[in-house]
């Protein structure tokens, strides 16, 4: 059994296309859309291939016309790409995003996994880093062996007394310092954090053609090229 676990695809088709295809099951931890130039294609990839997907804050924003509650540095990027994303998706695709669950539980090879985009108490919006003490206080259902989360775009594995918390990082907008698509693989009773290069400049070229202000384009391109948040203006 080989499970591909991904999060934060952010409408980046080149990054999605670089992911391995030799998987038996696909689990998606949310944020299919916004920031990237191919929301419709990425939504369709998930619809066609994912055994389970949960809703991220950007999926919630597009599906329900709500504020994604981004950090101040990303607010303009989310607003401008959000307008483009709404224009690029059809009603069925928007409804798909709106109806994604905010939490899920799945099993593979006798191990139970919990899935959410951010953190269990606030599955859409809480920004929680690897070393947060709050992981220790979460009320997790008995029997969960691995807790899968995303949202921060930073990959990590943290072993707790009763479970392992894993963030695969971001496929479409990594922020760990390298321009590569991040993901996790569950196979033979082990979970590993993986990465793969992709055609970053092809995604940047698509962004250049979108109806974005010059500053938002430059900020988005910077994140893709450098894998980190742009400096404050």
C-alpha atoms as a PDB file:
ATOM      1  CA  UNK A   1       0.000   0.000   0.000  1.00  0.00           C
ATOM      2  CA  UNK A   2       1.485   3.331  -1.098  1.00  0.00           C
ATOM      3  CA  UNK A   3      -0.372   6.487  -0.020  1.00  0.00           C
ATOM      4  CA  UNK A   4       0.529   9.906  -1.414  1.00  0.00           C
ATOM      5  CA  UNK A   5      -0.262  12.658   1.114  1.00  0.00           C
ATOM      6  CA  UNK A   6      -0.321  16.272  -0.098  1.00  0.00           C
ATOM      7  CA  UNK A   7      -1.389  19.702   1.118  1.00  0.00           C
ATOM      8  CA  UNK A   8      -1.558  23.291  -0.081  1.00  0.00           C
ATOM      9  CA  UNK A   9      -1.568  22.665  -3.820  1.00  0.00           C
ATOM     10  CA  UNK A  10      -2.604  26.278  -4.453  1.00  0.00           C
ATOM     11  CA  UNK A  11      -3.574  25.948  -8.106  1.00  0.00           C
ATOM     12  CA  UNK A  12       0.001  25.156  -9.167  1.00  0.00           C
ATOM     13  CA  UNK A  13      -0.429  22.652 -11.981  1.00  0.00           C
ATOM     14  CA  UNK A  14       3.291  22.308 -12.743  1.00  0.00           C
ATOM     15  CA  UNK A  15       3.978  21.308  -9.137  1.00  0.00           C
ATOM     16  CA  UNK A  16       1.037  18.887  -9.116  1.00  0.00           C
ATOM     17  CA  UNK A  17       2.214  17.347 -12.405  1.00  0.00           C
ATOM     18  CA  UNK A  18       5.638  16.670 -10.866  1.00  0.00           C
ATOM     19  CA  UNK A  19       4.189  14.558  -8.029  1.00  0.00           C
ATOM     20  CA  UNK A  20       4.745  10.800  -8.230  1.00  0.00           C
ATOM     21  CA  UNK A  21       1.982   8.862  -9.917  1.00  0.00           C
ATOM     22  CA  UNK A  22       2.832   5.427  -8.526  1.00  0.00           C
ATOM     23  CA  UNK A  23       0.408   5.626  -5.609  1.00  0.00           C
ATOM     24  CA  UNK A  24      -2.493   3.438  -4.552  1.00  0.00           C
ATOM     25  CA  UNK A  25      -4.353   6.138  -2.617  1.00  0.00           C
ATOM     26  CA  UNK A  26      -4.223   9.938  -2.525  1.00  0.00           C
ATOM     27  CA  UNK A  27      -5.079  12.015   0.555  1.00  0.00           C
ATOM     28  CA  UNK A  28      -5.316  15.815   0.290  1.00  0.00           C
ATOM     29  CA  UNK A  29      -5.103  18.151   3.294  1.00  0.00           C
ATOM     30  CA  UNK A  30      -6.735  21.176   1.710  1.00  0.00           C
ATOM     31  CA  UNK A  31      -6.015  24.446  -0.090  1.00  0.00           C
ATOM     32  CA  UNK A  32      -6.464  23.309  -3.643  1.00  0.00           C
ATOM     33  CA  UNK A  33      -6.900  26.883  -4.888  1.00  0.00           C
ATOM     34  CA  UNK A  34      -5.703  30.528  -4.729  1.00  0.00           C
ATOM     35  CA  UNK A  35      -2.227  31.959  -5.304  1.00  0.00           C
ATOM     36  CA  UNK A  36      -1.718  29.859  -8.459  1.00  0.00           C
ATOM     37  CA  UNK A  37      -2.813  30.107 -12.109  1.00  0.00           C
ATOM     38  CA  UNK A  38      -4.624  26.758 -12.644  1.00  0.00           C
ATOM     39  CA  UNK A  39      -7.408  26.366 -10.055  1.00  0.00           C
ATOM     40  CA  UNK A  40      -9.815  24.456 -12.295  1.00  0.00           C
ATOM     41  CA  UNK A  41      -7.224  21.907 -13.391  1.00  0.00           C
ATOM     42  CA  UNK A  42      -6.025  21.297  -9.839  1.00  0.00           C
ATOM     43  CA  UNK A  43      -9.567  20.898  -8.509  1.00  0.00           C
ATOM     44  CA  UNK A  44     -10.257  18.349 -11.241  1.00  0.00           C
ATOM     45  CA  UNK A  45      -7.057  16.454 -10.424  1.00  0.00           C
ATOM     46  CA  UNK A  46      -8.180  16.108  -6.814  1.00  0.00           C
ATOM     47  CA  UNK A  47     -11.755  15.227  -7.734  1.00  0.00           C
ATOM     48  CA  UNK A  48     -10.572  12.484 -10.073  1.00  0.00           C
ATOM     49  CA  UNK A  49      -7.777  10.998  -7.959  1.00  0.00           C
ATOM     50  CA  UNK A  50      -8.257  11.616  -4.236  1.00  0.00           C
ATOM     51  CA  UNK A  51      -9.708   8.957  -1.994  1.00  0.00           C
ATOM     52  CA  UNK A  52     -10.101  11.625   0.693  1.00  0.00           C
ATOM     53  CA  UNK A  53      -9.703  15.414   0.727  1.00  0.00           C
ATOM     54  CA  UNK A  54     -10.444  17.956   3.441  1.00  0.00           C
ATOM     55  CA  UNK A  55     -11.209  21.653   3.126  1.00  0.00           C
ATOM     56  CA  UNK A  56      -8.571  24.340   3.578  1.00  0.00           C
ATOM     57  CA  UNK A  57      -9.113  27.989   4.411  1.00  0.00           C
ATOM     58  CA  UNK A  58      -8.730  29.017   0.755  1.00  0.00           C
ATOM     59  CA  UNK A  59     -11.149  26.315  -0.392  1.00  0.00           C
ATOM     60  CA  UNK A  60     -13.563  27.584   2.248  1.00  0.00           C
ATOM     61  CA  UNK A  61     -13.062  31.159   1.055  1.00  0.00           C
ATOM     62  CA  UNK A  62     -13.836  30.375  -2.577  1.00  0.00           C
ATOM     63  CA  UNK A  63     -16.606  27.900  -1.825  1.00  0.00           C
ATOM     64  CA  UNK A  64     -18.435  30.178   0.593  1.00  0.00           C
ATOM     65  CA  UNK A  65     -17.301  33.686  -0.423  1.00  0.00           C
ATOM     66  CA  UNK A  66     -15.540  34.210   2.898  1.00  0.00           C
ATOM     67  CA  UNK A  67     -12.331  35.827   4.093  1.00  0.00           C
ATOM     68  CA  UNK A  68      -9.490  33.239   4.047  1.00  0.00           C
ATOM     69  CA  UNK A  69      -7.980  34.987   7.099  1.00  0.00           C
ATOM     70  CA  UNK A  70      -4.467  35.133   5.661  1.00  0.00           C
ATOM     71  CA  UNK A  71      -1.531  36.801   7.344  1.00  0.00           C
ATOM     72  CA  UNK A  72      -1.117  40.486   6.541  1.00  0.00           C
ATOM     73  CA  UNK A  73       1.753  39.825   4.117  1.00  0.00           C
ATOM     74  CA  UNK A  74      -0.403  37.512   1.991  1.00  0.00           C
ATOM     75  CA  UNK A  75      -3.705  39.375   2.163  1.00  0.00           C
ATOM     76  CA  UNK A  76      -3.364  41.247  -1.144  1.00  0.00           C
ATOM     77  CA  UNK A  77      -2.136  38.095  -2.869  1.00  0.00           C
ATOM     78  CA  UNK A  78      -5.165  36.166  -1.612  1.00  0.00           C
ATOM     79  CA  UNK A  79      -7.609  38.917  -2.582  1.00  0.00           C
ATOM     80  CA  UNK A  80      -6.364  39.330  -6.144  1.00  0.00           C
ATOM     81  CA  UNK A  81      -5.904  35.635  -6.906  1.00  0.00           C
ATOM     82  CA  UNK A  82      -9.212  34.929  -5.182  1.00  0.00           C
ATOM     83  CA  UNK A  83     -11.019  37.131  -7.688  1.00  0.00           C
ATOM     84  CA  UNK A  84      -9.307  35.325 -10.540  1.00  0.00           C
ATOM     85  CA  UNK A  85     -10.028  31.904  -9.013  1.00  0.00           C
ATOM     86  CA  UNK A  86     -13.761  32.620  -8.740  1.00  0.00           C
ATOM     87  CA  UNK A  87     -13.836  33.602 -12.405  1.00  0.00           C
ATOM     88  CA  UNK A  88     -11.938  30.472 -13.465  1.00  0.00           C
ATOM     89  CA  UNK A  89     -14.064  27.864 -11.639  1.00  0.00           C
ATOM     90  CA  UNK A  90     -17.490  26.650 -12.674  1.00  0.00           C
ATOM     91  CA  UNK A  91     -20.343  26.218 -10.203  1.00  0.00           C
ATOM     92  CA  UNK A  92     -19.784  22.490  -9.824  1.00  0.00           C
ATOM     93  CA  UNK A  93     -16.137  23.057  -8.882  1.00  0.00           C
ATOM     94  CA  UNK A  94     -17.078  25.770  -6.387  1.00  0.00           C
ATOM     95  CA  UNK A  95     -19.682  23.453  -4.874  1.00  0.00           C
ATOM     96  CA  UNK A  96     -17.048  20.717  -4.571  1.00  0.00           C
ATOM     97  CA  UNK A  97     -14.813  23.050  -2.539  1.00  0.00           C
ATOM     98  CA  UNK A  98     -17.733  24.166  -0.388  1.00  0.00           C
ATOM     99  CA  UNK A  99     -18.736  20.589   0.434  1.00  0.00           C
ATOM    100  CA  UNK A 100     -15.316  19.235   1.384  1.00  0.00           C
ATOM    101  CA  UNK A 101     -15.275  18.075   5.023  1.00  0.00           C
ATOM    102  CA  UNK A 102     -13.148  20.017   7.493  1.00  0.00           C
ATOM    103  CA  UNK A 103     -11.958  16.818   9.213  1.00  0.00           C
ATOM    104  CA  UNK A 104     -11.680  13.168   8.256  1.00  0.00           C
ATOM    105  CA  UNK A 105     -10.439   9.859   9.610  1.00  0.00           C
ATOM    106  CA  UNK A 106      -8.936   7.216   7.337  1.00  0.00           C
ATOM    107  CA  UNK A 107      -7.063   3.956   7.765  1.00  0.00           C
ATOM    108  CA  UNK A 108      -4.223   2.239   5.943  1.00  0.00           C
ATOM    109  CA  UNK A 109      -2.423  -0.987   6.847  1.00  0.00           C
ATOM    110  CA  UNK A 110      -4.123  -1.107  10.244  1.00  0.00           C
ATOM    111  CA  UNK A 111      -3.125   2.443  11.231  1.00  0.00           C
ATOM    112  CA  UNK A 112      -5.739   5.155  11.796  1.00  0.00           C
ATOM    113  CA  UNK A 113      -4.992   8.669  10.541  1.00  0.00           C
ATOM    114  CA  UNK A 114      -6.785  11.923  11.354  1.00  0.00           C
ATOM    115  CA  UNK A 115      -6.810  14.641   8.682  1.00  0.00           C
ATOM    116  CA  UNK A 116      -7.437  18.367   8.818  1.00  0.00           C
ATOM    117  CA  UNK A 117      -5.960  21.410   7.162  1.00  0.00           C
ATOM    118  CA  UNK A 118      -4.762  23.463  10.151  1.00  0.00           C
ATOM    119  CA  UNK A 119      -5.162  22.027  13.684  1.00  0.00           C
ATOM    120  CA  UNK A 120      -7.934  19.981  15.343  1.00  0.00           C
ATOM    121  CA  UNK A 121      -9.547  22.763  17.456  1.00  0.00           C
ATOM    122  CA  UNK A 122      -9.644  25.128  14.450  1.00  0.00           C
ATOM    123  CA  UNK A 123      -9.271  22.977  11.325  1.00  0.00           C
ATOM    124  CA  UNK A 124      -9.413  25.845   8.821  1.00  0.00           C
ATOM    125  CA  UNK A 125      -7.462  28.762  10.247  1.00  0.00           C
ATOM    126  CA  UNK A 126      -5.127  28.032  13.172  1.00  0.00           C
ATOM    127  CA  UNK A 127      -1.478  28.525  12.255  1.00  0.00           C
ATOM    128  CA  UNK A 128       0.458  26.086  14.422  1.00  0.00           C
ATOM    129  CA  UNK A 129       4.167  25.378  14.101  1.00  0.00           C
ATOM    130  CA  UNK A 130       6.000  22.147  14.855  1.00  0.00           C
ATOM    131  CA  UNK A 131       7.211  23.120  18.319  1.00  0.00           C
ATOM    132  CA  UNK A 132       3.894  24.450  19.604  1.00  0.00           C
ATOM    133  CA  UNK A 133       2.913  23.019  23.019  1.00  0.00           C
ATOM    134  CA  UNK A 134      -0.699  22.979  21.849  1.00  0.00           C
ATOM    135  CA  UNK A 135      -0.166  19.653  20.049  1.00  0.00           C
ATOM    136  CA  UNK A 136       0.154  18.052  23.476  1.00  0.00           C
ATOM    137  CA  UNK A 137      -3.237  19.372  24.601  1.00  0.00           C
ATOM    138  CA  UNK A 138      -5.322  18.345  21.579  1.00  0.00           C
ATOM    139  CA  UNK A 139      -8.223  15.994  22.195  1.00  0.00           C
ATOM    140  CA  UNK A 140      -7.589  13.310  19.582  1.00  0.00           C
ATOM    141  CA  UNK A 141      -9.872  10.315  19.167  1.00  0.00           C
ATOM    142  CA  UNK A 142      -8.538   7.103  20.730  1.00  0.00           C
ATOM    143  CA  UNK A 143      -6.729   4.884  18.283  1.00  0.00           C
ATOM    144  CA  UNK A 144      -5.346   7.636  16.050  1.00  0.00           C
ATOM    145  CA  UNK A 145      -1.732   6.815  15.313  1.00  0.00           C
ATOM    146  CA  UNK A 146      -0.851   9.623  12.908  1.00  0.00           C
ATOM    147  CA  UNK A 147      -2.266  13.139  12.759  1.00  0.00           C
ATOM    148  CA  UNK A 148      -1.979  14.771   9.317  1.00  0.00           C
ATOM    149  CA  UNK A 149      -2.050  18.574   9.031  1.00  0.00           C
ATOM    150  CA  UNK A 150      -0.989  21.289   6.577  1.00  0.00           C
ATOM    151  CA  UNK A 151      -1.541  25.058   6.348  1.00  0.00           C
ATOM    152  CA  UNK A 152       1.914  26.289   7.420  1.00  0.00           C
ATOM    153  CA  UNK A 153       3.609  25.146   4.182  1.00  0.00           C
ATOM    154  CA  UNK A 154       6.496  23.873   6.364  1.00  0.00           C
ATOM    155  CA  UNK A 155       7.112  20.099   6.438  1.00  0.00           C
ATOM    156  CA  UNK A 156       7.710  18.384   9.773  1.00  0.00           C
ATOM    157  CA  UNK A 157       7.336  15.184  11.778  1.00  0.00           C
ATOM    158  CA  UNK A 158       6.797  15.423  15.520  1.00  0.00           C
ATOM    159  CA  UNK A 159       6.600  12.337  17.694  1.00  0.00           C
ATOM    160  CA  UNK A 160       4.314  12.684  20.710  1.00  0.00           C
ATOM    161  CA  UNK A 161       3.671  10.122  23.405  1.00  0.00           C
ATOM    162  CA  UNK A 162       0.565   8.691  21.763  1.00  0.00           C
ATOM    163  CA  UNK A 163       0.845   9.658  18.105  1.00  0.00           C
ATOM    164  CA  UNK A 164       2.921  11.159  15.321  1.00  0.00           C
ATOM    165  CA  UNK A 165       2.019  14.593  13.912  1.00  0.00           C
ATOM    166  CA  UNK A 166       3.025  15.039  10.258  1.00  0.00           C
ATOM    167  CA  UNK A 167       2.857  18.057   7.978  1.00  0.00           C
ATOM    168  CA  UNK A 168       3.888  17.173   4.405  1.00  0.00           C
ATOM    169  CA  UNK A 169       4.598  20.812   3.520  1.00  0.00           C
ATOM    170  CA  UNK A 170       3.189  22.525   0.455  1.00  0.00           C
ATOM    171  CA  UNK A 171       2.996  21.202  -3.081  1.00  0.00           C
ATOM    172  CA  UNK A 172       2.252  24.503  -4.782  1.00  0.00           C
ATOM    173  CA  UNK A 173       3.746  27.252  -2.610  1.00  0.00           C
ATOM    174  CA  UNK A 174       6.517  25.882  -0.379  1.00  0.00           C
ATOM    175  CA  UNK A 175       7.955  28.098   2.354  1.00  0.00           C
ATOM    176  CA  UNK A 176      10.787  25.925   3.645  1.00  0.00           C
ATOM    177  CA  UNK A 177      13.488  27.687   1.636  1.00  0.00           C
ATOM    178  CA  UNK A 178      13.601  25.660  -1.583  1.00  0.00           C
ATOM    179  CA  UNK A 179      11.613  25.844  -4.814  1.00  0.00           C
ATOM    180  CA  UNK A 180      10.258  22.311  -4.874  1.00  0.00           C
ATOM    181  CA  UNK A 181       6.985  20.497  -4.368  1.00  0.00           C
ATOM    182  CA  UNK A 182       6.727  18.789  -0.977  1.00  0.00           C
ATOM    183  CA  UNK A 183       4.669  15.716  -0.084  1.00  0.00           C
ATOM    184  CA  UNK A 184       4.626  12.662   2.179  1.00  0.00           C
ATOM    185  CA  UNK A 185       4.493   8.941   1.421  1.00  0.00           C
ATOM    186  CA  UNK A 186       3.015   6.248   3.655  1.00  0.00           C
ATOM    187  CA  UNK A 187       4.297   2.803   2.702  1.00  0.00           C
ATOM    188  CA  UNK A 188       5.148  -0.432   4.525  1.00  0.00           C
ATOM    189  CA  UNK A 189       4.188   1.022   7.892  1.00  0.00           C
ATOM    190  CA  UNK A 190       6.393   4.107   7.589  1.00  0.00           C
ATOM    191  CA  UNK A 191       5.789   7.731   6.630  1.00  0.00           C
ATOM    192  CA  UNK A 192       8.466   9.782   4.876  1.00  0.00           C
ATOM    193  CA  UNK A 193       8.725  13.441   3.861  1.00  0.00           C
ATOM    194  CA  UNK A 194       9.666  13.839   0.211  1.00  0.00           C
ATOM    195  CA  UNK A 195      10.214  16.548  -2.397  1.00  0.00           C
ATOM    196  CA  UNK A 196      10.484  16.895  -6.151  1.00  0.00           C
ATOM    197  CA  UNK A 197      11.612  19.772  -8.399  1.00  0.00           C
ATOM    198  CA  UNK A 198       9.150  21.249 -10.869  1.00  0.00           C
ATOM    199  CA  UNK A 199       9.036  23.882 -13.612  1.00  0.00           C
ATOM    200  CA  UNK A 200       8.799  26.953 -11.407  1.00  0.00           C
ATOM    201  CA  UNK A 201       9.324  29.438 -14.229  1.00  0.00           C
ATOM    202  CA  UNK A 202       6.441  27.932 -16.192  1.00  0.00           C
ATOM    203  CA  UNK A 203       4.145  28.715 -13.260  1.00  0.00           C
ATOM    204  CA  UNK A 204       5.633  32.216 -12.934  1.00  0.00           C
ATOM    205  CA  UNK A 205       5.026  32.839 -16.641  1.00  0.00           C
ATOM    206  CA  UNK A 206       1.357  31.900 -16.211  1.00  0.00           C
ATOM    207  CA  UNK A 207       1.040  34.237 -13.231  1.00  0.00           C
ATOM    208  CA  UNK A 208       2.466  37.066 -15.329  1.00  0.00           C
ATOM    209  CA  UNK A 209      -0.500  36.728 -17.691  1.00  0.00           C
ATOM    210  CA  UNK A 210      -3.127  36.954 -14.940  1.00  0.00           C
ATOM    211  CA  UNK A 211      -4.961  40.195 -14.020  1.00  0.00           C
ATOM    212  CA  UNK A 212      -2.685  40.916 -11.038  1.00  0.00           C
ATOM    213  CA  UNK A 213      -1.116  44.130  -9.832  1.00  0.00           C
ATOM    214  CA  UNK A 214       2.670  44.327 -10.379  1.00  0.00           C
ATOM    215  CA  UNK A 215       3.418  44.072  -6.660  1.00  0.00           C
ATOM    216  CA  UNK A 216       1.231  41.006  -6.140  1.00  0.00           C
ATOM    217  CA  UNK A 217       2.811  39.304  -9.148  1.00  0.00           C
ATOM    218  CA  UNK A 218       6.307  40.034  -7.819  1.00  0.00           C
ATOM    219  CA  UNK A 219       5.401  38.735  -4.363  1.00  0.00           C
ATOM    220  CA  UNK A 220       3.909  35.510  -5.710  1.00  0.00           C
ATOM    221  CA  UNK A 221       6.880  34.949  -8.009  1.00  0.00           C
ATOM    222  CA  UNK A 222       9.288  35.545  -5.116  1.00  0.00           C
ATOM    223  CA  UNK A 223       7.632  32.897  -2.954  1.00  0.00           C
ATOM    224  CA  UNK A 224       7.742  30.346  -5.776  1.00  0.00           C
ATOM    225  CA  UNK A 225      11.346  31.052  -6.716  1.00  0.00           C
ATOM    226  CA  UNK A 226      12.776  31.263  -3.199  1.00  0.00           C
ATOM    227  CA  UNK A 227      10.458  29.136  -1.080  1.00  0.00           C
ATOM    228  CA  UNK A 228       9.993  31.777   1.568  1.00  0.00           C
ATOM    229  CA  UNK A 229       7.880  34.778   2.510  1.00  0.00           C
ATOM    230  CA  UNK A 230       8.854  38.104   0.870  1.00  0.00           C
ATOM    231  CA  UNK A 231      10.302  40.787   3.102  1.00  0.00           C
ATOM    232  CA  UNK A 232       7.908  43.398   4.452  1.00  0.00           C
ATOM    233  CA  UNK A 233       7.367  46.341   2.139  1.00  0.00           C
END
